[in-house]
Amino acid sequence: MKYAIVKDSIVTNMVEWDGVSDFPVDGELIQADKSAWIGGEYNGSFVARPVEPDVRTYDQKRKGEYPSLDELIVALWEGVVEERMASVTRLEAERQAVKARHPKV
């Protein structure tokens, strides 16, 4: 099981322990839950880690989600040369969904 080593109400380390064998520790061993993290606070229960705000710009967020250049080239080829617009339509729907998730501000 996972345990937190707590000293002065702060989690100083996380360890695996069977809960029975001798385990020398500088602090108190407390069974960890999903809120436990090194550096976190313990005041009878673990205080969850604060959520860090996403400070990337909208274009940085979009870049990782847009279809790849390979997908774009294939879709354009199919649309222009082969006159099959389904790929172009699907790709544009994906692009618009990314833009909706990460609008310009």
C-alpha atoms as a PDB file:
ATOM      1  CA  MET A   1       0.000   0.000   0.000  1.00  0.00           C
ATOM      2  CA  LYS A   2       1.060   3.581  -0.534  1.00  0.00           C
ATOM      3  CA  TYR A   3       1.784   5.667   2.547  1.00  0.00           C
ATOM      4  CA  ALA A   4       2.706   9.283   3.099  1.00  0.00           C
ATOM      5  CA  ILE A   5       5.397  10.290   5.543  1.00  0.00           C
ATOM      6  CA  VAL A   6       4.020  13.346   7.337  1.00  0.00           C
ATOM      7  CA  LYS A   7       6.092  15.655   9.503  1.00  0.00           C
ATOM      8  CA  ASP A   8       4.739  18.915  10.942  1.00  0.00           C
ATOM      9  CA  SER A   9       1.555  18.539   8.826  1.00  0.00           C
ATOM     10  CA  ILE A  10       3.523  18.366   5.535  1.00  0.00           C
ATOM     11  CA  VAL A  11       3.962  15.260   3.355  1.00  0.00           C
ATOM     12  CA  THR A  12       7.729  14.781   3.115  1.00  0.00           C
ATOM     13  CA  ASN A  13       7.731  11.540   1.101  1.00  0.00           C
ATOM     14  CA  MET A  14       5.562   8.762  -0.341  1.00  0.00           C
ATOM     15  CA  VAL A  15       6.481   5.104   0.169  1.00  0.00           C
ATOM     16  CA  GLU A  16       5.170   1.584  -0.426  1.00  0.00           C
ATOM     17  CA  TRP A  17       4.731  -0.242   2.875  1.00  0.00           C
ATOM     18  CA  ASP A  18       2.985  -3.460   3.871  1.00  0.00           C
ATOM     19  CA  GLY A  19       1.577  -1.771   6.974  1.00  0.00           C
ATOM     20  CA  VAL A  20       3.064  -4.367   9.329  1.00  0.00           C
ATOM     21  CA  SER A  21       6.842  -4.655   9.072  1.00  0.00           C
ATOM     22  CA  ASP A  22       9.214  -2.309  10.868  1.00  0.00           C
ATOM     23  CA  PHE A  23       9.780   0.827   8.852  1.00  0.00           C
ATOM     24  CA  PRO A  24      11.974   3.483  10.463  1.00  0.00           C
ATOM     25  CA  VAL A  25      10.649   6.899   9.560  1.00  0.00           C
ATOM     26  CA  ASP A  26      11.181  10.500  10.612  1.00  0.00           C
ATOM     27  CA  GLY A  27       7.555  11.517  10.958  1.00  0.00           C
ATOM     28  CA  GLU A  28       4.245   9.682  10.854  1.00  0.00           C
ATOM     29  CA  LEU A  29       3.182   7.050   8.286  1.00  0.00           C
ATOM     30  CA  ILE A  30      -0.359   7.676   7.061  1.00  0.00           C
ATOM     31  CA  GLN A  31      -2.120   5.631   4.399  1.00  0.00           C
ATOM     32  CA  ALA A  32      -2.211   7.822   1.314  1.00  0.00           C
ATOM     33  CA  ASP A  33      -5.192   8.548  -0.881  1.00  0.00           C
ATOM     34  CA  LYS A  34      -5.367  10.153  -4.331  1.00  0.00           C
ATOM     35  CA  SER A  35      -5.034  13.631  -2.778  1.00  0.00           C
ATOM     36  CA  ALA A  36      -1.657  12.915  -1.138  1.00  0.00           C
ATOM     37  CA  TRP A  37       1.427  14.443  -2.747  1.00  0.00           C
ATOM     38  CA  ILE A  38       4.959  15.319  -1.638  1.00  0.00           C
ATOM     39  CA  GLY A  39       4.905  18.851  -0.303  1.00  0.00           C
ATOM     40  CA  GLY A  40       1.179  18.665   0.323  1.00  0.00           C
ATOM     41  CA  GLU A  41      -0.581  19.430   3.578  1.00  0.00           C
ATOM     42  CA  TYR A  42      -2.127  16.909   5.970  1.00  0.00           C
ATOM     43  CA  ASN A  43      -4.587  18.147   8.609  1.00  0.00           C
ATOM     44  CA  GLY A  44      -6.493  14.954   9.382  1.00  0.00           C
ATOM     45  CA  SER A  45      -6.972  14.425   5.647  1.00  0.00           C
ATOM     46  CA  PHE A  46      -4.788  15.210   2.659  1.00  0.00           C
ATOM     47  CA  VAL A  47      -5.242  18.577   0.980  1.00  0.00           C
ATOM     48  CA  ALA A  48      -5.409  18.090  -2.801  1.00  0.00           C
ATOM     49  CA  ARG A  49      -2.804  19.690  -5.038  1.00  0.00           C
ATOM     50  CA  PRO A  50      -4.044  22.969  -6.505  1.00  0.00           C
ATOM     51  CA  VAL A  51      -4.802  22.898 -10.226  1.00  0.00           C
ATOM     52  CA  GLU A  52      -2.252  24.898 -12.174  1.00  0.00           C
ATOM     53  CA  PRO A  53      -3.802  27.243 -14.740  1.00  0.00           C
ATOM     54  CA  ASP A  54      -2.996  26.593 -18.401  1.00  0.00           C
ATOM     55  CA  VAL A  55      -1.072  29.682 -19.452  1.00  0.00           C
ATOM     56  CA  ARG A  56      -0.385  28.662 -23.055  1.00  0.00           C
ATOM     57  CA  THR A  57      -1.680  31.007 -25.752  1.00  0.00           C
ATOM     58  CA  TYR A  58      -4.628  29.909 -27.896  1.00  0.00           C
ATOM     59  CA  ASP A  59      -2.344  29.164 -30.865  1.00  0.00           C
ATOM     60  CA  GLN A  60      -0.062  26.994 -28.723  1.00  0.00           C
ATOM     61  CA  LYS A  61      -3.098  25.015 -27.525  1.00  0.00           C
ATOM     62  CA  ARG A  62      -4.451  24.628 -31.064  1.00  0.00           C
ATOM     63  CA  LYS A  63      -1.152  23.561 -32.619  1.00  0.00           C
ATOM     64  CA  GLY A  64      -1.018  20.229 -30.797  1.00  0.00           C
ATOM     65  CA  GLU A  65      -4.612  19.342 -31.682  1.00  0.00           C
ATOM     66  CA  TYR A  66      -4.840  20.335 -35.327  1.00  0.00           C
ATOM     67  CA  PRO A  67      -4.720  17.538 -37.936  1.00  0.00           C
ATOM     68  CA  SER A  68      -1.178  16.858 -39.156  1.00  0.00           C
ATOM     69  CA  LEU A  69       0.231  18.221 -42.401  1.00  0.00           C
ATOM     70  CA  ASP A  70       0.106  14.690 -43.830  1.00  0.00           C
ATOM     71  CA  GLU A  71      -3.626  14.502 -43.093  1.00  0.00           C
ATOM     72  CA  LEU A  72      -4.113  17.925 -44.672  1.00  0.00           C
ATOM     73  CA  ILE A  73      -2.220  16.978 -47.836  1.00  0.00           C
ATOM     74  CA  VAL A  74      -4.142  13.718 -48.247  1.00  0.00           C
ATOM     75  CA  ALA A  75      -7.492  15.453 -47.704  1.00  0.00           C
ATOM     76  CA  LEU A  76      -6.654  18.195 -50.206  1.00  0.00           C
ATOM     77  CA  TRP A  77      -5.446  15.636 -52.758  1.00  0.00           C
ATOM     78  CA  GLU A  78      -8.622  13.615 -52.407  1.00  0.00           C
ATOM     79  CA  GLY A  79     -10.739  16.762 -52.659  1.00  0.00           C
ATOM     80  CA  VAL A  80      -9.009  18.479 -55.584  1.00  0.00           C
ATOM     81  CA  VAL A  81      -7.593  15.640 -57.675  1.00  0.00           C
ATOM     82  CA  GLU A  82      -9.960  12.774 -56.907  1.00  0.00           C
ATOM     83  CA  GLU A  83     -13.037  14.971 -56.425  1.00  0.00           C
ATOM     84  CA  ARG A  84     -13.910  13.254 -53.132  1.00  0.00           C
ATOM     85  CA  MET A  85     -14.760  16.020 -50.680  1.00  0.00           C
ATOM     86  CA  ALA A  86     -15.546  13.781 -47.675  1.00  0.00           C
ATOM     87  CA  SER A  87     -11.943  13.946 -46.397  1.00  0.00           C
ATOM     88  CA  VAL A  88     -11.824  17.721 -46.762  1.00  0.00           C
ATOM     89  CA  THR A  89     -15.167  18.098 -44.980  1.00  0.00           C
ATOM     90  CA  ARG A  90     -14.064  15.800 -42.107  1.00  0.00           C
ATOM     91  CA  LEU A  91     -10.740  17.596 -41.729  1.00  0.00           C
ATOM     92  CA  GLU A  92     -12.402  21.023 -41.667  1.00  0.00           C
ATOM     93  CA  ALA A  93     -14.858  19.795 -39.019  1.00  0.00           C
ATOM     94  CA  GLU A  94     -11.873  18.709 -36.884  1.00  0.00           C
ATOM     95  CA  ARG A  95     -10.214  22.118 -37.344  1.00  0.00           C
ATOM     96  CA  GLN A  96     -13.392  23.971 -36.359  1.00  0.00           C
ATOM     97  CA  ALA A  97     -13.787  21.784 -33.257  1.00  0.00           C
ATOM     98  CA  VAL A  98     -10.216  22.675 -32.184  1.00  0.00           C
ATOM     99  CA  LYS A  99     -10.936  26.359 -32.753  1.00  0.00           C
ATOM    100  CA  ALA A 100     -14.121  26.099 -30.674  1.00  0.00           C
ATOM    101  CA  ARG A 101     -12.201  24.468 -27.775  1.00  0.00           C
ATOM    102  CA  HIS A 102      -9.451  27.111 -27.925  1.00  0.00           C
ATOM    103  CA  PRO A 103     -10.949  30.417 -29.130  1.00  0.00           C
ATOM    104  CA  LYS A 104      -8.954  33.572 -29.736  1.00  0.00           C
ATOM    105  CA  VAL A 105      -9.188  35.908 -26.777  1.00  0.00           C
END
